[in-house]
PDB file of N, CA and C in Angstrom:
ATOM      1  N   MET A   1      -7.327  -8.254  -6.254  1.00  0.00           N
ATOM      2  CA  MET A   1      -5.946  -7.901  -6.121  1.00  0.00           C
ATOM      3  C   MET A   1      -5.667  -7.682  -4.644  1.00  0.00           C
ATOM      4  N   ARG A   2      -4.536  -8.188  -4.207  1.00  0.00           N
ATOM      5  CA  ARG A   2      -4.114  -7.975  -2.817  1.00  0.00           C
ATOM      6  C   ARG A   2      -2.769  -7.260  -2.826  1.00  0.00           C
ATOM      7  N   LEU A   3      -2.669  -6.254  -1.991  1.00  0.00           N
ATOM      8  CA  LEU A   3      -1.406  -5.555  -1.785  1.00  0.00           C
ATOM      9  C   LEU A   3      -0.961  -5.838  -0.351  1.00  0.00           C
ATOM     10  N   VAL A   4       0.295  -6.193  -0.205  1.00  0.00           N
ATOM     11  CA  VAL A   4       0.842  -6.521   1.111  1.00  0.00           C
ATOM     12  C   VAL A   4       1.844  -5.450   1.504  1.00  0.00           C
ATOM     13  N   PHE A   5       1.655  -4.912   2.695  1.00  0.00           N
ATOM     14  CA  PHE A   5       2.532  -3.884   3.241  1.00  0.00           C
ATOM     15  C   PHE A   5       3.081  -4.383   4.576  1.00  0.00           C
ATOM     16  N   ALA A   6       4.297  -3.997   4.914  1.00  0.00           N
ATOM     17  CA  ALA A   6       4.868  -4.284   6.229  1.00  0.00           C
ATOM     18  C   ALA A   6       5.919  -3.216   6.515  1.00  0.00           C
ATOM     19  N   GLU A   7       5.866  -2.680   7.710  1.00  0.00           N
ATOM     20  CA  GLU A   7       6.883  -1.689   8.104  1.00  0.00           C
ATOM     21  C   GLU A   7       8.083  -2.465   8.608  1.00  0.00           C
ATOM     22  N   VAL A   8       9.171  -2.436   7.856  1.00  0.00           N
ATOM     23  CA  VAL A   8      10.346  -3.233   8.181  1.00  0.00           C
ATOM     24  C   VAL A   8      11.481  -2.423   8.798  1.00  0.00           C
ATOM     25  N   GLU A   9      11.306  -1.120   8.853  1.00  0.00           N
ATOM     26  CA  GLU A   9      12.326  -0.280   9.466  1.00  0.00           C
ATOM     27  C   GLU A   9      11.891   0.105  10.875  1.00  0.00           C
ATOM     28  N   LYS A  10      12.795   0.707  11.618  1.00  0.00           N
ATOM     29  CA  LYS A  10      12.502   1.086  12.996  1.00  0.00           C
ATOM     30  C   LYS A  10      11.790   2.429  13.041  1.00  0.00           C
ATOM     31  N   VAL A  11      10.554   2.436  12.542  1.00  0.00           N
ATOM     32  CA  VAL A  11       9.721   3.635  12.590  1.00  0.00           C
ATOM     33  C   VAL A  11       8.354   3.243  13.117  1.00  0.00           C
ATOM     34  N   GLY A  12       7.693   4.183  13.743  1.00  0.00           N
ATOM     35  CA  GLY A  12       6.381   3.928  14.309  1.00  0.00           C
ATOM     36  C   GLY A  12       5.279   4.585  13.508  1.00  0.00           C
ATOM     37  N   PRO A  13       4.074   4.547  14.028  1.00  0.00           N
ATOM     38  CA  PRO A  13       2.940   5.167  13.362  1.00  0.00           C
ATOM     39  C   PRO A  13       3.210   6.640  13.039  1.00  0.00           C
ATOM     40  N   GLY A  14       2.774   7.051  11.866  1.00  0.00           N
ATOM     41  CA  GLY A  14       2.936   8.439  11.436  1.00  0.00           C
ATOM     42  C   GLY A  14       4.230   8.729  10.703  1.00  0.00           C
ATOM     43  N   ALA A  15       5.173   7.784  10.725  1.00  0.00           N
ATOM     44  CA  ALA A  15       6.477   8.024  10.105  1.00  0.00           C
ATOM     45  C   ALA A  15       6.482   7.780   8.603  1.00  0.00           C
ATOM     46  N   ARG A  16       5.519   6.984   8.111  1.00  0.00           N
ATOM     47  CA  ARG A  16       5.467   6.667   6.681  1.00  0.00           C
ATOM     48  C   ARG A  16       3.991   6.636   6.271  1.00  0.00           C
ATOM     49  N   VAL A  17       3.528   7.753   5.740  1.00  0.00           N
ATOM     50  CA  VAL A  17       2.123   7.881   5.354  1.00  0.00           C
ATOM     51  C   VAL A  17       2.062   8.216   3.871  1.00  0.00           C
ATOM     52  N   PHE A  18       1.245   7.460   3.126  1.00  0.00           N
ATOM     53  CA  PHE A  18       1.190   7.677   1.682  1.00  0.00           C
ATOM     54  C   PHE A  18      -0.160   7.262   1.107  1.00  0.00           C
ATOM     55  N   ASP A  19      -0.442   7.748  -0.100  1.00  0.00           N
ATOM     56  CA  ASP A  19      -1.633   7.357  -0.843  1.00  0.00           C
ATOM     57  C   ASP A  19      -1.257   6.231  -1.796  1.00  0.00           C
ATOM     58  N   VAL A  20      -2.224   5.382  -2.104  1.00  0.00           N
ATOM     59  CA  VAL A  20      -2.031   4.282  -3.044  1.00  0.00           C
ATOM     60  C   VAL A  20      -3.084   4.404  -4.144  1.00  0.00           C
ATOM     61  N   ALA A  21      -2.631   4.376  -5.396  1.00  0.00           N
ATOM     62  CA  ALA A  21      -3.543   4.416  -6.535  1.00  0.00           C
ATOM     63  C   ALA A  21      -3.303   3.205  -7.421  1.00  0.00           C
ATOM     64  N   LEU A  22      -4.386   2.614  -7.905  1.00  0.00           N
ATOM     65  CA  LEU A  22      -4.329   1.501  -8.841  1.00  0.00           C
ATOM     66  C   LEU A  22      -5.004   1.927 -10.135  1.00  0.00           C
ATOM     67  N   GLN A  23      -4.315   1.760 -11.238  1.00  0.00           N
ATOM     68  CA  GLN A  23      -4.832   2.113 -12.553  1.00  0.00           C
ATOM     69  C   GLN A  23      -5.327   3.567 -12.586  1.00  0.00           C
ATOM     70  N   GLY A  24      -4.659   4.444 -11.846  1.00  0.00           N
ATOM     71  CA  GLY A  24      -4.981   5.869 -11.858  1.00  0.00           C
ATOM     72  C   GLY A  24      -6.026   6.307 -10.852  1.00  0.00           C
ATOM     73  N   GLY A  25      -6.635   5.380 -10.137  1.00  0.00           N
ATOM     74  CA  GLY A  25      -7.646   5.734  -9.140  1.00  0.00           C
ATOM     75  C   GLY A  25      -7.158   5.474  -7.731  1.00  0.00           C
ATOM     76  N   THR A  26      -7.311   6.441  -6.853  1.00  0.00           N
ATOM     77  CA  THR A  26      -6.859   6.296  -5.467  1.00  0.00           C
ATOM     78  C   THR A  26      -7.708   5.261  -4.739  1.00  0.00           C
ATOM     79  N   VAL A  27      -7.042   4.281  -4.122  1.00  0.00           N
ATOM     80  CA  VAL A  27      -7.735   3.230  -3.376  1.00  0.00           C
ATOM     81  C   VAL A  27      -7.455   3.310  -1.878  1.00  0.00           C
ATOM     82  N   LEU A  28      -6.358   3.950  -1.495  1.00  0.00           N
ATOM     83  CA  LEU A  28      -6.033   4.175  -0.082  1.00  0.00           C
ATOM     84  C   LEU A  28      -5.521   5.599   0.072  1.00  0.00           C
ATOM     85  N   GLU A  29      -6.090   6.327   1.013  1.00  0.00           N
ATOM     86  CA  GLU A  29      -5.628   7.685   1.286  1.00  0.00           C
ATOM     87  C   GLU A  29      -4.970   7.726   2.660  1.00  0.00           C
ATOM     88  N   SER A  30      -3.841   8.392   2.722  1.00  0.00           N
ATOM     89  CA  SER A  30      -3.096   8.564   3.976  1.00  0.00           C
ATOM     90  C   SER A  30      -2.905   7.226   4.696  1.00  0.00           C
ATOM     91  N   PHE A  31      -2.420   6.245   3.958  1.00  0.00           N
ATOM     92  CA  PHE A  31      -2.196   4.912   4.505  1.00  0.00           C
ATOM     93  C   PHE A  31      -0.932   4.907   5.364  1.00  0.00           C
ATOM     94  N   ASP A  32      -1.054   4.453   6.581  1.00  0.00           N
ATOM     95  CA  ASP A  32       0.044   4.408   7.552  1.00  0.00           C
ATOM     96  C   ASP A  32       0.305   2.936   7.895  1.00  0.00           C
ATOM     97  N   ILE A  33       1.367   2.377   7.343  1.00  0.00           N
ATOM     98  CA  ILE A  33       1.630   0.945   7.513  1.00  0.00           C
ATOM     99  C   ILE A  33       1.732   0.550   8.984  1.00  0.00           C
ATOM    100  N   ALA A  34       2.561   1.234   9.750  1.00  0.00           N
ATOM    101  CA  ALA A  34       2.779   0.851  11.151  1.00  0.00           C
ATOM    102  C   ALA A  34       1.479   0.912  11.949  1.00  0.00           C
ATOM    103  N   GLN A  35       0.667   1.899  11.685  1.00  0.00           N
ATOM    104  CA  GLN A  35      -0.610   2.017  12.397  1.00  0.00           C
ATOM    105  C   GLN A  35      -1.557   0.889  11.997  1.00  0.00           C
ATOM    106  N   ARG A  36      -1.688   0.654  10.703  1.00  0.00           N
ATOM    107  CA  ARG A  36      -2.625  -0.362  10.211  1.00  0.00           C
ATOM    108  C   ARG A  36      -2.193  -1.782  10.552  1.00  0.00           C
ATOM    109  N   ALA A  37      -0.892  -2.038  10.549  1.00  0.00           N
ATOM    110  CA  ALA A  37      -0.395  -3.390  10.834  1.00  0.00           C
ATOM    111  C   ALA A  37      -0.303  -3.649  12.332  1.00  0.00           C
ATOM    112  N   GLY A  38      -0.315  -2.602  13.126  1.00  0.00           N
ATOM    113  CA  GLY A  38      -0.209  -2.782  14.566  1.00  0.00           C
ATOM    114  C   GLY A  38       1.217  -2.856  15.066  1.00  0.00           C
ATOM    115  N   GLY A  39       2.153  -2.331  14.275  1.00  0.00           N
ATOM    116  CA  GLY A  39       3.544  -2.301  14.707  1.00  0.00           C
ATOM    117  C   GLY A  39       4.504  -2.745  13.629  1.00  0.00           C
ATOM    118  N   ARG A  40       5.759  -2.735  13.997  1.00  0.00           N
ATOM    119  CA  ARG A  40       6.845  -3.077  13.083  1.00  0.00           C
ATOM    120  C   ARG A  40       6.899  -4.585  12.830  1.00  0.00           C
ATOM    121  N   ASN A  41       7.301  -4.956  11.609  1.00  0.00           N
ATOM    122  CA  ASN A  41       7.454  -6.354  11.188  1.00  0.00           C
ATOM    123  C   ASN A  41       6.150  -7.155  11.253  1.00  0.00           C
ATOM    124  N   ARG A  42       5.034  -6.465  11.080  1.00  0.00           N
ATOM    125  CA  ARG A  42       3.735  -7.114  10.969  1.00  0.00           C
ATOM    126  C   ARG A  42       3.126  -6.650   9.651  1.00  0.00           C
ATOM    127  N   SER A  43       2.382  -7.512   9.022  1.00  0.00           N
ATOM    128  CA  SER A  43       1.849  -7.157   7.707  1.00  0.00           C
ATOM    129  C   SER A  43       0.451  -6.551   7.792  1.00  0.00           C
ATOM    130  N   ALA A  44       0.151  -5.774   6.783  1.00  0.00           N
ATOM    131  CA  ALA A  44      -1.183  -5.217   6.571  1.00  0.00           C
ATOM    132  C   ALA A  44      -1.534  -5.550   5.127  1.00  0.00           C
ATOM    133  N   ILE A  45      -2.579  -6.322   4.949  1.00  0.00           N
ATOM    134  CA  ILE A  45      -2.992  -6.734   3.608  1.00  0.00           C
ATOM    135  C   ILE A  45      -4.279  -6.002   3.261  1.00  0.00           C
ATOM    136  N   ARG A  46      -4.296  -5.408   2.095  1.00  0.00           N
ATOM    137  CA  ARG A  46      -5.493  -4.719   1.615  1.00  0.00           C
ATOM    138  C   ARG A  46      -5.917  -5.370   0.309  1.00  0.00           C
ATOM    139  N   GLU A  47      -7.206  -5.658   0.202  1.00  0.00           N
ATOM    140  CA  GLU A  47      -7.732  -6.351  -0.961  1.00  0.00           C
ATOM    141  C   GLU A  47      -8.666  -5.425  -1.744  1.00  0.00           C
ATOM    142  N   PHE A  48      -8.554  -5.484  -3.067  1.00  0.00           N
ATOM    143  CA  PHE A  48      -9.350  -4.642  -3.956  1.00  0.00           C
ATOM    144  C   PHE A  48      -9.933  -5.510  -5.059  1.00  0.00           C
ATOM    145  N   SER A  49     -11.167  -5.239  -5.423  1.00  0.00           N
ATOM    146  CA  SER A  49     -11.797  -6.011  -6.488  1.00  0.00           C
ATOM    147  C   SER A  49     -12.149  -5.094  -7.651  1.00  0.00           C
ATOM    148  N   ARG A  50     -12.381  -5.722  -8.768  1.00  0.00           N
ATOM    149  CA  ARG A  50     -12.789  -5.027  -9.994  1.00  0.00           C
ATOM    150  C   ARG A  50     -11.804  -3.955 -10.444  1.00  0.00           C
ATOM    151  N   ILE A  51     -10.538  -4.306 -10.392  1.00  0.00           N
ATOM    152  CA  ILE A  51      -9.482  -3.444 -10.908  1.00  0.00           C
ATOM    153  C   ILE A  51      -9.208  -3.909 -12.332  1.00  0.00           C
ATOM    154  N   GLY A  52      -9.603  -3.118 -13.307  1.00  0.00           N
ATOM    155  CA  GLY A  52      -9.439  -3.503 -14.709  1.00  0.00           C
ATOM    156  C   GLY A  52      -7.981  -3.444 -15.149  1.00  0.00           C
ATOM    157  N   ILE A  53      -7.474  -4.584 -15.586  1.00  0.00           N
ATOM    158  CA  ILE A  53      -6.095  -4.656 -16.071  1.00  0.00           C
ATOM    159  C   ILE A  53      -6.133  -5.244 -17.476  1.00  0.00           C
ATOM    160  N   ASP A  54      -5.666  -4.478 -18.443  1.00  0.00           N
ATOM    161  CA  ASP A  54      -5.605  -4.973 -19.811  1.00  0.00           C
ATOM    162  C   ASP A  54      -4.256  -5.645 -20.019  1.00  0.00           C
ATOM    163  N   ARG A  55      -3.217  -4.855 -20.169  1.00  0.00           N
ATOM    164  CA  ARG A  55      -1.864  -5.395 -20.348  1.00  0.00           C
ATOM    165  C   ARG A  55      -0.915  -4.896 -19.270  1.00  0.00           C
ATOM    166  N   THR A  56      -1.223  -3.753 -18.689  1.00  0.00           N
ATOM    167  CA  THR A  56      -0.300  -3.123 -17.751  1.00  0.00           C
ATOM    168  C   THR A  56      -1.006  -2.808 -16.435  1.00  0.00           C
ATOM    169  N   LEU A  57      -0.359  -3.158 -15.350  1.00  0.00           N
ATOM    170  CA  LEU A  57      -0.833  -2.793 -14.024  1.00  0.00           C
ATOM    171  C   LEU A  57      -0.033  -1.575 -13.566  1.00  0.00           C
ATOM    172  N   THR A  58      -0.724  -0.508 -13.214  1.00  0.00           N
ATOM    173  CA  THR A  58      -0.058   0.704 -12.744  1.00  0.00           C
ATOM    174  C   THR A  58      -0.402   0.930 -11.276  1.00  0.00           C
ATOM    175  N   ILE A  59       0.638   0.970 -10.452  1.00  0.00           N
ATOM    176  CA  ILE A  59       0.488   1.241  -9.025  1.00  0.00           C
ATOM    177  C   ILE A  59       1.300   2.489  -8.713  1.00  0.00           C
ATOM    178  N   ASN A  60       0.640   3.478  -8.119  1.00  0.00           N
ATOM    179  CA  ASN A  60       1.330   4.698  -7.717  1.00  0.00           C
ATOM    180  C   ASN A  60       1.266   4.834  -6.206  1.00  0.00           C
ATOM    181  N   LEU A  61       2.416   5.046  -5.585  1.00  0.00           N
ATOM    182  CA  LEU A  61       2.518   5.292  -4.148  1.00  0.00           C
ATOM    183  C   LEU A  61       3.031   6.717  -3.982  1.00  0.00           C
ATOM    184  N   THR A  62       2.223   7.566  -3.369  1.00  0.00           N
ATOM    185  CA  THR A  62       2.558   8.979  -3.247  1.00  0.00           C
ATOM    186  C   THR A  62       2.745   9.361  -1.781  1.00  0.00           C
ATOM    187  N   PRO A  63       3.966   9.759  -1.384  1.00  0.00           N
ATOM    188  CA  PRO A  63       4.200  10.148   0.008  1.00  0.00           C
ATOM    189  C   PRO A  63       3.301  11.309   0.421  1.00  0.00           C
ATOM    190  N   LYS A  64       2.764  11.239   1.648  1.00  0.00           N
ATOM    191  CA  LYS A  64       1.897  12.299   2.165  1.00  0.00           C
ATOM    192  C   LYS A  64       2.554  13.051   3.318  1.00  0.00           C
ATOM    193  N   SER A  65       3.006  12.309   4.319  1.00  0.00           N
ATOM    194  CA  SER A  65       3.598  12.947   5.494  1.00  0.00           C
ATOM    195  C   SER A  65       4.409  11.912   6.259  1.00  0.00           C
ATOM    196  N   GLY A  66       5.097  12.399   7.271  1.00  0.00           N
ATOM    197  CA  GLY A  66       5.899  11.518   8.105  1.00  0.00           C
ATOM    198  C   GLY A  66       7.363  11.884   8.040  1.00  0.00           C
ATOM    199  N   ASP A  67       8.156  11.168   8.813  1.00  0.00           N
ATOM    200  CA  ASP A  67       9.588  11.428   8.897  1.00  0.00           C
ATOM    201  C   ASP A  67      10.323  11.009   7.627  1.00  0.00           C
ATOM    202  N   THR A  68       9.769  10.050   6.919  1.00  0.00           N
ATOM    203  CA  THR A  68      10.415   9.565   5.706  1.00  0.00           C
ATOM    204  C   THR A  68       9.550   9.908   4.500  1.00  0.00           C
ATOM    205  N   ALA A  69      10.173  10.249   3.414  1.00  0.00           N
ATOM    206  CA  ALA A  69       9.441  10.560   2.182  1.00  0.00           C
ATOM    207  C   ALA A  69       9.371   9.325   1.291  1.00  0.00           C
ATOM    208  N   GLU A  70       9.601   8.164   1.877  1.00  0.00           N
ATOM    209  CA  GLU A  70       9.606   6.932   1.109  1.00  0.00           C
ATOM    210  C   GLU A  70       8.294   6.181   1.300  1.00  0.00           C
ATOM    211  N   THR A  71       7.929   5.423   0.287  1.00  0.00           N
ATOM    212  CA  THR A  71       6.773   4.554   0.367  1.00  0.00           C
ATOM    213  C   THR A  71       7.267   3.121   0.374  1.00  0.00           C
ATOM    214  N   LEU A  72       6.376   2.179   0.653  1.00  0.00           N
ATOM    215  CA  LEU A  72       6.820   0.796   0.792  1.00  0.00           C
ATOM    216  C   LEU A  72       5.688  -0.151   0.431  1.00  0.00           C
ATOM    217  N   LEU A  73       5.962  -1.064  -0.491  1.00  0.00           N
ATOM    218  CA  LEU A  73       5.019  -2.105  -0.883  1.00  0.00           C
ATOM    219  C   LEU A  73       5.792  -3.424  -0.856  1.00  0.00           C
ATOM    220  N   CYS A  74       5.303  -4.419  -0.155  1.00  0.00           N
ATOM    221  CA  CYS A  74       6.048  -5.666   0.007  1.00  0.00           C
ATOM    222  C   CYS A  74       5.573  -6.808  -0.876  1.00  0.00           C
ATOM    223  N   GLY A  75       4.334  -6.759  -1.349  1.00  0.00           N
ATOM    224  CA  GLY A  75       3.859  -7.855  -2.177  1.00  0.00           C
ATOM    225  C   GLY A  75       2.616  -7.487  -2.950  1.00  0.00           C
ATOM    226  N   ILE A  76       2.428  -8.157  -4.101  1.00  0.00           N
ATOM    227  CA  ILE A  76       1.275  -7.951  -4.966  1.00  0.00           C
ATOM    228  C   ILE A  76       0.765  -9.319  -5.381  1.00  0.00           C
ATOM    229  N   GLU A  77      -0.526  -9.526  -5.235  1.00  0.00           N
ATOM    230  CA  GLU A  77      -1.154 -10.755  -5.695  1.00  0.00           C
ATOM    231  C   GLU A  77      -2.320 -10.359  -6.598  1.00  0.00           C
ATOM    232  N   VAL A  78      -2.294 -10.834  -7.827  1.00  0.00           N
ATOM    233  CA  VAL A  78      -3.347 -10.519  -8.789  1.00  0.00           C
ATOM    234  C   VAL A  78      -4.111 -11.803  -9.088  1.00  0.00           C
ATOM    235  N   LEU A  79      -5.430 -11.758  -8.888  1.00  0.00           N
ATOM    236  CA  LEU A  79      -6.282 -12.918  -9.102  1.00  0.00           C
ATOM    237  C   LEU A  79      -7.334 -12.588 -10.165  1.00  0.00           C
ATOM    238  N   SER A  80      -7.677 -13.547 -10.961  1.00  0.00           N
ATOM    239  CA  SER A  80      -8.715 -13.355 -11.977  1.00  0.00           C
ATOM    240  C   SER A  80     -10.098 -13.390 -11.320  1.00  0.00           C
ATOM    241  N   GLU A  81     -10.965 -12.508 -11.756  1.00  0.00           N
ATOM    242  CA  GLU A  81     -12.341 -12.468 -11.236  1.00  0.00           C
ATOM    243  C   GLU A  81     -13.327 -12.876 -12.322  1.00  0.00           C
ATOM    244  N   ARG A  82     -13.166 -14.011 -12.849  1.00  0.00           N
ATOM    245  CA  ARG A  82     -14.049 -14.478 -13.928  1.00  0.00           C
ATOM    246  C   ARG A  82     -15.312 -15.049 -13.394  1.00  0.00           C
TER     247      ARG A  82
END
């Protein structure tokens, strides 16, 4: 599974920090899009394997700190691992 993030607003590092959980398990803690992507309008792609999905994919984004209490996810790619 790939999650795509990009900071599209005029905020810098530290302004949007959040945790990401897949299927109830935290996979990213204190994720800062602007810091990880290297600036605004650049993407940060994180890849995860062995995420068990039966019928429903559950993604939770939990705000941690920063100027905005909003989280942001720009894309999801789910691939079979057969």
